[in-house]
Amino acid sequence: MDWEVEPASVRDGVMLARTLLSTDAEAAVVRVINLQPCDYVLRADELVGRAEPIRVNSETVAEGRKSFQHLDPLIETIPNFLTGEQRQQVVNLLHKNVSVFAKSDNDLGYNDWLPMDINTGTNRPVKQPVRRHAYCHLPEIEAHVQKLLSSGAVEPARSPRWSNVLLVHKKDGAYRFCIDYRRLNELTVKDSYPLP
């Protein structure tokens, strides 16, 4: 039997991550992230979350193996000069961090705990005039838009902001669907989000 700690908010801007704890481990370690600009000190007696017992069964293990399949192409590129032990360490590292690798082109991830705001200061919202596209590009643009809509990456909206789409050639001759944010970038007050 192992233990699971569900994600939770310790306080505004301080989050507890989902964690699996092994009964065999010497210490119970959970991840806590502070999204505030100031320090936050956890007291020794502060309750940050509850560990609930879980049982791992063979179906869960089989499902877990299936959840690593999208890493197989990456594992195949591990250099041959590594020893068997080093290779296994790399595989374990990839499996441990499986959630950071996209399972498909439509697997964009989702974050609802760190709201993003584009600060344009006192400037009015950027609304570019609609750009005309070559007639032969219209089906390609429509296909990309429908793909984004069906995957849930975008949704129909009415907004005072508007930036045009662009089709840029890739090396293989296909098109890359882009948004022209150059005007918006000129007006945006620069900010930084350092990675933890």
N, C-alpha and C. Protein backbone atom coordinates (compact mmCIF):
# COMPACT_ATOMS: atom_id res chain seq x y z
N MET A 1 0.84 -1.19 0.00
CA MET A 1 0.00 0.00 0.00
C MET A 1 0.87 1.24 0.00
N ASP A 2 0.54 2.19 -0.86
CA ASP A 2 1.24 3.46 -0.89
C ASP A 2 0.25 4.55 -0.50
N TRP A 3 0.71 5.81 -0.58
CA TRP A 3 -0.10 6.94 -0.15
C TRP A 3 -0.12 7.99 -1.24
N GLU A 4 -1.25 8.69 -1.35
CA GLU A 4 -1.38 9.76 -2.34
C GLU A 4 -1.81 11.04 -1.64
N VAL A 5 -1.16 12.14 -2.02
CA VAL A 5 -1.54 13.47 -1.53
C VAL A 5 -2.11 14.22 -2.72
N GLU A 6 -3.35 14.68 -2.59
CA GLU A 6 -4.02 15.41 -3.68
C GLU A 6 -3.54 16.86 -3.71
N PRO A 7 -3.53 17.50 -4.89
CA PRO A 7 -3.14 18.91 -4.96
C PRO A 7 -4.12 19.78 -4.18
N ALA A 8 -3.60 20.83 -3.58
CA ALA A 8 -4.45 21.71 -2.78
C ALA A 8 -3.78 23.07 -2.66
N SER A 9 -4.56 24.07 -2.28
CA SER A 9 -4.04 25.39 -2.03
C SER A 9 -3.75 25.51 -0.53
N VAL A 10 -2.50 25.76 -0.18
CA VAL A 10 -2.12 25.94 1.22
C VAL A 10 -2.60 27.31 1.68
N ARG A 11 -2.41 28.30 0.83
CA ARG A 11 -2.93 29.66 1.00
C ARG A 11 -2.82 30.33 -0.35
N ASP A 12 -3.26 31.56 -0.50
CA ASP A 12 -3.22 32.21 -1.81
C ASP A 12 -1.80 32.22 -2.35
N GLY A 13 -1.62 31.63 -3.53
CA GLY A 13 -0.31 31.64 -4.18
C GLY A 13 0.64 30.56 -3.71
N VAL A 14 0.25 29.74 -2.74
CA VAL A 14 1.10 28.63 -2.27
C VAL A 14 0.33 27.34 -2.51
N MET A 15 0.87 26.48 -3.40
CA MET A 15 0.15 25.30 -3.84
C MET A 15 0.89 24.02 -3.46
N LEU A 16 0.11 23.01 -3.11
CA LEU A 16 0.64 21.67 -2.85
C LEU A 16 0.41 20.84 -4.09
N ALA A 17 1.45 20.15 -4.57
CA ALA A 17 1.34 19.33 -5.78
C ALA A 17 0.87 17.92 -5.44
N ARG A 18 0.25 17.26 -6.44
CA ARG A 18 -0.12 15.86 -6.25
C ARG A 18 1.15 15.04 -6.09
N THR A 19 1.18 14.17 -5.09
CA THR A 19 2.38 13.41 -4.77
C THR A 19 2.02 11.99 -4.39
N LEU A 20 2.80 11.03 -4.86
CA LEU A 20 2.68 9.65 -4.43
C LEU A 20 3.79 9.38 -3.44
N LEU A 21 3.43 8.78 -2.32
CA LEU A 21 4.40 8.48 -1.27
C LEU A 21 4.49 6.97 -1.11
N SER A 22 5.70 6.46 -1.07
CA SER A 22 5.90 5.03 -0.89
C SER A 22 6.00 4.71 0.59
N THR A 23 5.38 3.61 0.98
CA THR A 23 5.47 3.15 2.37
C THR A 23 6.91 2.81 2.73
N ASP A 24 7.69 2.37 1.73
CA ASP A 24 9.07 1.95 1.97
C ASP A 24 10.05 3.11 2.08
N ALA A 25 9.62 4.33 1.71
CA ALA A 25 10.55 5.47 1.72
C ALA A 25 10.94 5.85 3.14
N GLU A 26 12.16 6.36 3.27
CA GLU A 26 12.66 6.77 4.59
C GLU A 26 11.96 8.04 5.07
N ALA A 27 11.57 8.90 4.13
CA ALA A 27 10.92 10.16 4.50
C ALA A 27 9.77 10.44 3.54
N ALA A 28 8.76 11.15 3.99
CA ALA A 28 7.64 11.54 3.14
C ALA A 28 7.90 12.96 2.63
N VAL A 29 8.12 13.08 1.33
CA VAL A 29 8.45 14.37 0.74
C VAL A 29 7.32 14.78 -0.21
N VAL A 30 6.77 15.97 -0.01
CA VAL A 30 5.76 16.52 -0.91
C VAL A 30 6.29 17.80 -1.53
N ARG A 31 5.75 18.14 -2.69
CA ARG A 31 6.20 19.35 -3.38
C ARG A 31 5.23 20.49 -3.08
N VAL A 32 5.80 21.63 -2.74
CA VAL A 32 5.01 22.84 -2.51
C VAL A 32 5.64 23.93 -3.36
N ILE A 33 4.81 24.70 -4.08
CA ILE A 33 5.33 25.79 -4.90
C ILE A 33 4.75 27.11 -4.42
N ASN A 34 5.63 28.10 -4.32
CA ASN A 34 5.23 29.44 -3.91
C ASN A 34 5.23 30.33 -5.15
N LEU A 35 4.04 30.79 -5.55
CA LEU A 35 3.91 31.63 -6.74
C LEU A 35 3.92 33.11 -6.41
N GLN A 36 4.10 33.45 -5.13
CA GLN A 36 4.10 34.84 -4.71
C GLN A 36 5.51 35.42 -4.84
N PRO A 37 5.60 36.74 -4.94
CA PRO A 37 6.92 37.37 -5.02
C PRO A 37 7.64 37.41 -3.67
N CYS A 38 6.93 37.11 -2.58
CA CYS A 38 7.56 37.15 -1.25
C CYS A 38 7.71 35.74 -0.69
N ASP A 39 8.57 35.60 0.30
CA ASP A 39 8.81 34.30 0.93
C ASP A 39 7.60 33.87 1.75
N TYR A 40 7.40 32.57 1.84
CA TYR A 40 6.37 32.02 2.71
C TYR A 40 7.01 30.89 3.50
N VAL A 41 6.93 30.95 4.80
CA VAL A 41 7.57 29.96 5.66
C VAL A 41 6.51 28.99 6.16
N LEU A 42 6.74 27.69 5.95
CA LEU A 42 5.86 26.66 6.48
C LEU A 42 6.29 26.33 7.90
N ARG A 43 5.35 26.41 8.82
CA ARG A 43 5.65 26.05 10.21
C ARG A 43 5.72 24.53 10.32
N ALA A 44 6.44 24.04 11.30
CA ALA A 44 6.61 22.60 11.50
C ALA A 44 5.28 21.91 11.75
N ASP A 45 4.33 22.57 12.37
CA ASP A 45 3.05 21.94 12.70
C ASP A 45 1.93 22.31 11.72
N GLU A 46 2.27 22.96 10.60
CA GLU A 46 1.25 23.42 9.66
C GLU A 46 0.76 22.27 8.79
N LEU A 47 -0.56 22.12 8.69
CA LEU A 47 -1.17 21.08 7.87
C LEU A 47 -1.23 21.59 6.43
N VAL A 48 -0.54 20.91 5.52
CA VAL A 48 -0.54 21.32 4.12
C VAL A 48 -1.39 20.39 3.25
N GLY A 49 -1.64 19.17 3.73
CA GLY A 49 -2.44 18.22 2.96
C GLY A 49 -2.60 16.93 3.72
N ARG A 50 -3.42 16.04 3.17
CA ARG A 50 -3.64 14.75 3.81
C ARG A 50 -3.23 13.64 2.85
N ALA A 51 -2.54 12.64 3.38
CA ALA A 51 -2.15 11.48 2.60
C ALA A 51 -3.22 10.40 2.77
N GLU A 52 -3.74 9.93 1.64
CA GLU A 52 -4.76 8.88 1.66
C GLU A 52 -4.13 7.58 1.16
N PRO A 53 -4.45 6.45 1.78
CA PRO A 53 -3.87 5.17 1.33
C PRO A 53 -4.44 4.76 -0.03
N ILE A 54 -3.57 4.21 -0.87
CA ILE A 54 -4.01 3.69 -2.17
C ILE A 54 -3.37 2.32 -2.38
N ARG A 55 -4.01 1.51 -3.18
CA ARG A 55 -3.45 0.20 -3.53
C ARG A 55 -3.18 0.20 -5.04
N VAL A 56 -2.05 -0.33 -5.43
CA VAL A 56 -1.71 -0.44 -6.84
C VAL A 56 -2.03 -1.85 -7.29
N ASN A 57 -2.86 -1.99 -8.33
CA ASN A 57 -3.18 -3.32 -8.83
C ASN A 57 -2.60 -3.52 -10.23
N SER A 58 -2.69 -4.72 -10.75
CA SER A 58 -2.06 -5.04 -12.03
C SER A 58 -2.66 -4.22 -13.17
N GLU A 59 -3.96 -3.91 -13.10
CA GLU A 59 -4.59 -3.10 -14.14
C GLU A 59 -3.98 -1.69 -14.16
N THR A 60 -3.72 -1.16 -12.95
CA THR A 60 -3.11 0.17 -12.86
C THR A 60 -1.71 0.15 -13.45
N VAL A 61 -0.96 -0.92 -13.19
CA VAL A 61 0.40 -1.04 -13.74
C VAL A 61 0.34 -1.10 -15.26
N ALA A 62 -0.62 -1.90 -15.80
CA ALA A 62 -0.76 -2.00 -17.26
C ALA A 62 -1.14 -0.64 -17.85
N GLU A 63 -2.03 0.06 -17.18
CA GLU A 63 -2.43 1.40 -17.63
C GLU A 63 -1.24 2.34 -17.58
N GLY A 64 -0.41 2.21 -16.53
CA GLY A 64 0.79 3.04 -16.41
C GLY A 64 1.75 2.81 -17.55
N ARG A 65 1.90 1.53 -17.99
CA ARG A 65 2.78 1.22 -19.11
C ARG A 65 2.26 1.90 -20.37
N LYS A 66 0.91 1.86 -20.53
CA LYS A 66 0.31 2.48 -21.70
C LYS A 66 0.56 3.98 -21.68
N SER A 67 0.60 4.59 -20.49
CA SER A 67 0.78 6.03 -20.40
C SER A 67 2.21 6.47 -20.73
N PHE A 68 3.15 5.50 -20.85
CA PHE A 68 4.54 5.83 -21.20
C PHE A 68 4.82 5.61 -22.69
N GLN A 69 3.85 5.11 -23.45
CA GLN A 69 4.11 4.74 -24.83
C GLN A 69 4.57 5.93 -25.68
N HIS A 70 4.08 7.12 -25.39
CA HIS A 70 4.48 8.27 -26.21
C HIS A 70 5.94 8.66 -25.97
N LEU A 71 6.57 8.07 -24.94
CA LEU A 71 7.99 8.33 -24.69
C LEU A 71 8.90 7.38 -25.48
N ASP A 72 8.34 6.32 -26.06
CA ASP A 72 9.16 5.32 -26.75
C ASP A 72 10.07 5.91 -27.83
N PRO A 73 9.56 6.81 -28.70
CA PRO A 73 10.47 7.40 -29.70
C PRO A 73 11.64 8.15 -29.06
N LEU A 74 11.38 8.79 -27.94
CA LEU A 74 12.44 9.52 -27.24
C LEU A 74 13.45 8.55 -26.62
N ILE A 75 12.94 7.47 -26.04
CA ILE A 75 13.82 6.47 -25.42
C ILE A 75 14.71 5.81 -26.47
N GLU A 76 14.18 5.65 -27.69
CA GLU A 76 14.97 5.04 -28.77
C GLU A 76 16.15 5.91 -29.17
N THR A 77 16.12 7.21 -28.86
CA THR A 77 17.21 8.10 -29.24
C THR A 77 18.29 8.22 -28.16
N ILE A 78 18.15 7.47 -27.07
CA ILE A 78 19.18 7.50 -26.02
C ILE A 78 20.48 6.97 -26.62
N PRO A 79 21.59 7.69 -26.48
CA PRO A 79 22.85 7.28 -27.12
C PRO A 79 23.31 5.88 -26.69
N ASN A 80 23.93 5.17 -27.62
CA ASN A 80 24.40 3.80 -27.38
C ASN A 80 25.63 3.75 -26.48
N PHE A 81 26.36 4.86 -26.36
CA PHE A 81 27.58 4.82 -25.56
C PHE A 81 27.30 4.79 -24.05
N LEU A 82 26.05 4.96 -23.64
CA LEU A 82 25.72 4.87 -22.22
C LEU A 82 25.71 3.42 -21.78
N THR A 83 26.09 3.19 -20.54
CA THR A 83 26.03 1.83 -19.99
C THR A 83 24.56 1.48 -19.75
N GLY A 84 24.31 0.20 -19.51
CA GLY A 84 22.94 -0.24 -19.23
C GLY A 84 22.35 0.47 -18.03
N GLU A 85 23.16 0.66 -17.00
CA GLU A 85 22.68 1.34 -15.79
C GLU A 85 22.36 2.80 -16.08
N GLN A 86 23.24 3.47 -16.85
CA GLN A 86 23.00 4.88 -17.19
C GLN A 86 21.75 5.02 -18.05
N ARG A 87 21.60 4.09 -18.99
CA ARG A 87 20.42 4.11 -19.85
C ARG A 87 19.15 3.97 -19.01
N GLN A 88 19.17 3.06 -18.03
CA GLN A 88 18.00 2.86 -17.18
C GLN A 88 17.71 4.09 -16.34
N GLN A 89 18.77 4.80 -15.92
CA GLN A 89 18.58 6.04 -15.16
C GLN A 89 17.87 7.10 -16.02
N VAL A 90 18.24 7.18 -17.30
CA VAL A 90 17.59 8.13 -18.21
C VAL A 90 16.13 7.75 -18.40
N VAL A 91 15.87 6.46 -18.61
CA VAL A 91 14.49 5.98 -18.78
C VAL A 91 13.67 6.30 -17.54
N ASN A 92 14.23 6.05 -16.36
CA ASN A 92 13.52 6.34 -15.11
C ASN A 92 13.23 7.83 -14.97
N LEU A 93 14.19 8.66 -15.37
CA LEU A 93 14.00 10.11 -15.31
C LEU A 93 12.86 10.54 -16.25
N LEU A 94 12.82 9.97 -17.45
CA LEU A 94 11.74 10.29 -18.39
C LEU A 94 10.39 9.84 -17.84
N HIS A 95 10.35 8.64 -17.27
CA HIS A 95 9.09 8.13 -16.71
C HIS A 95 8.64 8.97 -15.52
N LYS A 96 9.59 9.40 -14.72
CA LYS A 96 9.26 10.21 -13.55
C LYS A 96 8.65 11.55 -13.96
N ASN A 97 9.08 12.07 -15.11
CA ASN A 97 8.62 13.38 -15.58
C ASN A 97 7.72 13.26 -16.81
N VAL A 98 6.98 12.16 -16.91
CA VAL A 98 6.16 11.87 -18.09
C VAL A 98 5.15 12.98 -18.37
N SER A 99 4.70 13.67 -17.34
CA SER A 99 3.65 14.68 -17.54
C SER A 99 4.12 15.90 -18.31
N VAL A 100 5.42 16.11 -18.46
CA VAL A 100 5.89 17.29 -19.19
C VAL A 100 6.03 17.03 -20.69
N PHE A 101 5.79 15.79 -21.15
CA PHE A 101 5.90 15.45 -22.55
C PHE A 101 4.51 15.31 -23.16
N ALA A 102 4.29 15.97 -24.29
CA ALA A 102 2.99 15.92 -24.96
C ALA A 102 2.75 14.53 -25.53
N LYS A 103 1.51 14.05 -25.40
CA LYS A 103 1.15 12.74 -25.94
C LYS A 103 0.79 12.83 -27.42
N SER A 104 0.42 14.03 -27.89
CA SER A 104 0.09 14.24 -29.30
C SER A 104 0.25 15.73 -29.60
N ASP A 105 0.05 16.08 -30.86
CA ASP A 105 0.14 17.50 -31.24
C ASP A 105 -0.94 18.33 -30.57
N ASN A 106 -2.04 17.71 -30.19
CA ASN A 106 -3.14 18.43 -29.56
C ASN A 106 -3.04 18.47 -28.05
N ASP A 107 -2.04 17.82 -27.48
CA ASP A 107 -1.87 17.79 -26.02
C ASP A 107 -1.10 19.04 -25.60
N LEU A 108 -1.85 20.12 -25.35
CA LEU A 108 -1.23 21.40 -25.05
C LEU A 108 -1.05 21.64 -23.56
N GLY A 109 -1.68 20.81 -22.73
CA GLY A 109 -1.63 21.04 -21.29
C GLY A 109 -2.62 22.12 -20.90
N TYR A 110 -2.80 22.30 -19.61
CA TYR A 110 -3.76 23.28 -19.12
C TYR A 110 -3.33 23.76 -17.75
N ASN A 111 -3.44 25.05 -17.53
CA ASN A 111 -3.02 25.64 -16.26
C ASN A 111 -4.10 26.62 -15.84
N ASP A 112 -4.77 26.31 -14.70
CA ASP A 112 -5.78 27.25 -14.22
C ASP A 112 -5.40 27.87 -12.88
N TRP A 113 -4.18 27.61 -12.42
CA TRP A 113 -3.78 28.16 -11.11
C TRP A 113 -2.82 29.33 -11.23
N LEU A 114 -2.39 29.69 -12.42
CA LEU A 114 -1.53 30.85 -12.59
C LEU A 114 -2.10 31.71 -13.71
N PRO A 115 -3.00 32.64 -13.37
CA PRO A 115 -3.63 33.44 -14.43
C PRO A 115 -2.60 34.33 -15.13
N MET A 116 -2.73 34.43 -16.44
CA MET A 116 -1.83 35.24 -17.24
C MET A 116 -2.55 36.52 -17.64
N ASP A 117 -1.82 37.62 -17.61
CA ASP A 117 -2.38 38.90 -18.01
C ASP A 117 -1.36 39.59 -18.90
N ILE A 118 -1.79 40.06 -20.04
CA ILE A 118 -0.90 40.80 -20.93
C ILE A 118 -1.08 42.28 -20.61
N ASN A 119 -0.06 42.87 -20.01
CA ASN A 119 -0.13 44.25 -19.56
C ASN A 119 0.30 45.17 -20.70
N THR A 120 -0.65 45.92 -21.25
CA THR A 120 -0.32 46.88 -22.31
C THR A 120 -0.32 48.32 -21.79
N GLY A 121 -0.27 48.45 -20.46
CA GLY A 121 -0.23 49.78 -19.86
C GLY A 121 -1.50 50.56 -20.17
N THR A 122 -1.32 51.79 -20.60
CA THR A 122 -2.49 52.65 -20.90
C THR A 122 -2.86 52.59 -22.38
N ASN A 123 -2.19 51.75 -23.15
CA ASN A 123 -2.48 51.63 -24.59
C ASN A 123 -3.84 50.98 -24.82
N ARG A 124 -4.50 51.37 -25.88
CA ARG A 124 -5.77 50.76 -26.25
C ARG A 124 -5.52 49.34 -26.75
N PRO A 125 -6.54 48.48 -26.70
CA PRO A 125 -6.38 47.11 -27.22
C PRO A 125 -5.96 47.13 -28.69
N VAL A 126 -5.09 46.19 -29.06
CA VAL A 126 -4.61 46.10 -30.43
C VAL A 126 -5.67 45.41 -31.28
N LYS A 127 -6.11 46.09 -32.32
CA LYS A 127 -7.07 45.50 -33.26
C LYS A 127 -6.56 45.76 -34.66
N GLN A 128 -5.94 44.75 -35.26
CA GLN A 128 -5.40 44.89 -36.61
C GLN A 128 -6.52 44.76 -37.63
N PRO A 129 -6.43 45.48 -38.73
CA PRO A 129 -7.40 45.24 -39.80
C PRO A 129 -7.20 43.84 -40.37
N VAL A 130 -8.31 43.23 -40.79
CA VAL A 130 -8.23 41.86 -41.31
C VAL A 130 -7.36 41.84 -42.56
N ARG A 131 -6.38 40.93 -42.57
CA ARG A 131 -5.46 40.81 -43.69
C ARG A 131 -6.04 39.87 -44.75
N ARG A 132 -5.90 40.23 -45.99
CA ARG A 132 -6.37 39.36 -47.07
C ARG A 132 -5.33 38.26 -47.29
N HIS A 133 -5.83 37.07 -47.52
CA HIS A 133 -4.94 35.92 -47.78
C HIS A 133 -5.17 35.43 -49.19
N ALA A 134 -4.16 34.78 -49.72
CA ALA A 134 -4.30 34.17 -51.05
C ALA A 134 -5.43 33.14 -51.02
N TYR A 135 -6.19 33.08 -52.09
CA TYR A 135 -7.34 32.17 -52.15
C TYR A 135 -6.92 30.72 -51.87
N CYS A 136 -5.75 30.34 -52.35
CA CYS A 136 -5.29 28.95 -52.16
C CYS A 136 -4.94 28.66 -50.70
N HIS A 137 -4.74 29.69 -49.88
CA HIS A 137 -4.41 29.48 -48.47
C HIS A 137 -5.65 29.34 -47.59
N LEU A 138 -6.80 29.78 -48.07
CA LEU A 138 -8.01 29.79 -47.25
C LEU A 138 -8.41 28.40 -46.73
N PRO A 139 -8.38 27.34 -47.57
CA PRO A 139 -8.72 26.01 -47.03
C PRO A 139 -7.74 25.55 -45.94
N GLU A 140 -6.46 25.90 -46.09
CA GLU A 140 -5.45 25.54 -45.09
C GLU A 140 -5.72 26.27 -43.77
N ILE A 141 -6.04 27.55 -43.84
CA ILE A 141 -6.36 28.33 -42.64
C ILE A 141 -7.60 27.76 -41.96
N GLU A 142 -8.63 27.46 -42.75
CA GLU A 142 -9.88 26.92 -42.19
C GLU A 142 -9.63 25.57 -41.52
N ALA A 143 -8.80 24.72 -42.13
CA ALA A 143 -8.50 23.41 -41.54
C ALA A 143 -7.78 23.57 -40.20
N HIS A 144 -6.83 24.50 -40.12
CA HIS A 144 -6.11 24.74 -38.86
C HIS A 144 -7.06 25.26 -37.78
N VAL A 145 -7.94 26.19 -38.16
CA VAL A 145 -8.89 26.74 -37.19
C VAL A 145 -9.82 25.65 -36.67
N GLN A 146 -10.33 24.81 -37.56
CA GLN A 146 -11.22 23.72 -37.14
C GLN A 146 -10.50 22.73 -36.22
N LYS A 147 -9.23 22.46 -36.52
CA LYS A 147 -8.44 21.55 -35.68
C LYS A 147 -8.29 22.14 -34.27
N LEU A 148 -8.00 23.43 -34.19
CA LEU A 148 -7.85 24.09 -32.89
C LEU A 148 -9.17 24.13 -32.13
N LEU A 149 -10.27 24.37 -32.83
CA LEU A 149 -11.59 24.38 -32.20
C LEU A 149 -11.95 23.00 -31.65
N SER A 150 -11.72 21.96 -32.46
CA SER A 150 -12.10 20.61 -32.04
C SER A 150 -11.24 20.11 -30.88
N SER A 151 -10.00 20.58 -30.78
CA SER A 151 -9.14 20.15 -29.67
C SER A 151 -9.38 20.96 -28.40
N GLY A 152 -10.17 22.04 -28.50
CA GLY A 152 -10.45 22.86 -27.33
C GLY A 152 -9.37 23.89 -27.04
N ALA A 153 -8.42 24.05 -27.96
CA ALA A 153 -7.33 25.01 -27.75
C ALA A 153 -7.81 26.44 -27.90
N VAL A 154 -8.84 26.65 -28.73
CA VAL A 154 -9.42 27.98 -28.92
C VAL A 154 -10.93 27.85 -28.85
N GLU A 155 -11.59 28.98 -28.71
CA GLU A 155 -13.05 29.00 -28.71
C GLU A 155 -13.49 30.29 -29.37
N PRO A 156 -14.70 30.31 -29.95
CA PRO A 156 -15.19 31.55 -30.57
C PRO A 156 -15.30 32.66 -29.53
N ALA A 157 -14.95 33.86 -29.92
CA ALA A 157 -14.99 34.98 -28.97
C ALA A 157 -15.25 36.28 -29.71
N ARG A 158 -15.80 37.24 -28.97
CA ARG A 158 -15.91 38.62 -29.46
C ARG A 158 -15.02 39.44 -28.55
N SER A 159 -14.05 40.07 -29.13
CA SER A 159 -13.07 40.77 -28.31
C SER A 159 -12.65 42.06 -28.99
N PRO A 160 -12.27 43.07 -28.21
CA PRO A 160 -11.74 44.29 -28.82
C PRO A 160 -10.31 44.08 -29.35
N ARG A 161 -9.74 42.92 -29.07
CA ARG A 161 -8.38 42.61 -29.53
C ARG A 161 -8.45 41.71 -30.77
N TRP A 162 -7.55 41.96 -31.70
CA TRP A 162 -7.56 41.17 -32.94
C TRP A 162 -6.17 41.17 -33.53
N SER A 163 -5.61 39.97 -33.75
CA SER A 163 -4.34 39.82 -34.45
C SER A 163 -4.54 38.83 -35.59
N ASN A 164 -3.92 39.08 -36.70
CA ASN A 164 -4.09 38.26 -37.90
C ASN A 164 -3.33 36.94 -37.82
N VAL A 165 -3.79 36.00 -38.64
CA VAL A 165 -3.09 34.72 -38.76
C VAL A 165 -2.12 34.81 -39.93
N LEU A 166 -1.10 33.98 -39.86
CA LEU A 166 -0.11 33.88 -40.94
C LEU A 166 0.15 32.42 -41.23
N LEU A 167 0.45 32.10 -42.48
CA LEU A 167 0.92 30.77 -42.85
C LEU A 167 2.39 30.91 -43.23
N VAL A 168 3.24 30.17 -42.54
CA VAL A 168 4.68 30.23 -42.79
C VAL A 168 5.13 28.86 -43.27
N HIS A 169 5.94 28.83 -44.32
CA HIS A 169 6.42 27.56 -44.86
C HIS A 169 7.41 26.90 -43.91
N LYS A 170 7.23 25.59 -43.68
CA LYS A 170 8.21 24.80 -42.94
C LYS A 170 9.21 24.23 -43.95
N LYS A 171 10.28 23.61 -43.44
CA LYS A 171 11.29 23.04 -44.33
C LYS A 171 10.72 21.94 -45.21
N ASP A 172 9.74 21.18 -44.65
CA ASP A 172 9.18 20.07 -45.43
C ASP A 172 8.11 20.51 -46.42
N GLY A 173 7.88 21.82 -46.54
CA GLY A 173 6.91 22.34 -47.49
C GLY A 173 5.52 22.55 -46.92
N ALA A 174 5.25 21.98 -45.75
CA ALA A 174 3.95 22.18 -45.11
C ALA A 174 3.89 23.60 -44.54
N TYR A 175 2.69 23.97 -44.08
CA TYR A 175 2.52 25.30 -43.51
C TYR A 175 2.50 25.24 -41.99
N ARG A 176 3.07 26.26 -41.37
CA ARG A 176 2.95 26.46 -39.93
C ARG A 176 1.95 27.59 -39.72
N PHE A 177 0.95 27.34 -38.90
CA PHE A 177 -0.12 28.30 -38.62
C PHE A 177 0.36 29.19 -37.48
N CYS A 178 0.44 30.49 -37.71
CA CYS A 178 0.97 31.43 -36.71
C CYS A 178 0.01 32.61 -36.51
N ILE A 179 0.19 33.30 -35.41
CA ILE A 179 -0.55 34.54 -35.15
C ILE A 179 0.47 35.68 -35.15
N ASP A 180 0.14 36.77 -35.81
CA ASP A 180 1.05 37.92 -35.90
C ASP A 180 0.85 38.82 -34.68
N TYR A 181 1.65 38.58 -33.64
CA TYR A 181 1.54 39.36 -32.41
C TYR A 181 2.58 40.48 -32.33
N ARG A 182 3.20 40.84 -33.45
CA ARG A 182 4.26 41.85 -33.41
C ARG A 182 3.78 43.19 -32.86
N ARG A 183 2.62 43.63 -33.29
CA ARG A 183 2.09 44.93 -32.81
C ARG A 183 1.79 44.85 -31.32
N LEU A 184 1.17 43.75 -30.87
CA LEU A 184 0.87 43.56 -29.45
C LEU A 184 2.17 43.52 -28.64
N ASN A 185 3.19 42.83 -29.15
CA ASN A 185 4.46 42.74 -28.43
C ASN A 185 5.12 44.11 -28.26
N GLU A 186 4.95 44.99 -29.24
CA GLU A 186 5.52 46.34 -29.15
C GLU A 186 4.91 47.12 -27.98
N LEU A 187 3.62 46.88 -27.70
CA LEU A 187 2.92 47.64 -26.67
C LEU A 187 2.92 46.97 -25.30
N THR A 188 3.35 45.73 -25.24
CA THR A 188 3.30 44.97 -23.98
C THR A 188 4.41 45.40 -23.04
N VAL A 189 4.05 45.64 -21.77
CA VAL A 189 5.04 45.93 -20.74
C VAL A 189 5.72 44.62 -20.40
N LYS A 190 7.03 44.57 -20.56
CA LYS A 190 7.76 43.31 -20.39
C LYS A 190 7.75 42.86 -18.93
N ASP A 191 7.63 41.56 -18.75
CA ASP A 191 7.62 40.96 -17.43
C ASP A 191 8.38 39.64 -17.54
N SER A 192 8.75 39.07 -16.40
CA SER A 192 9.47 37.80 -16.44
C SER A 192 8.82 36.83 -15.47
N TYR A 193 8.77 35.59 -15.86
CA TYR A 193 8.25 34.52 -15.03
C TYR A 193 9.36 33.48 -14.89
N PRO A 194 10.26 33.65 -13.91
CA PRO A 194 11.35 32.68 -13.78
C PRO A 194 10.82 31.30 -13.45
N LEU A 195 11.44 30.29 -14.03
CA LEU A 195 11.04 28.91 -13.75
C LEU A 195 11.53 28.51 -12.37
N PRO A 196 10.73 27.72 -11.64
CA PRO A 196 11.22 27.27 -10.31
C PRO A 196 12.38 26.29 -10.47
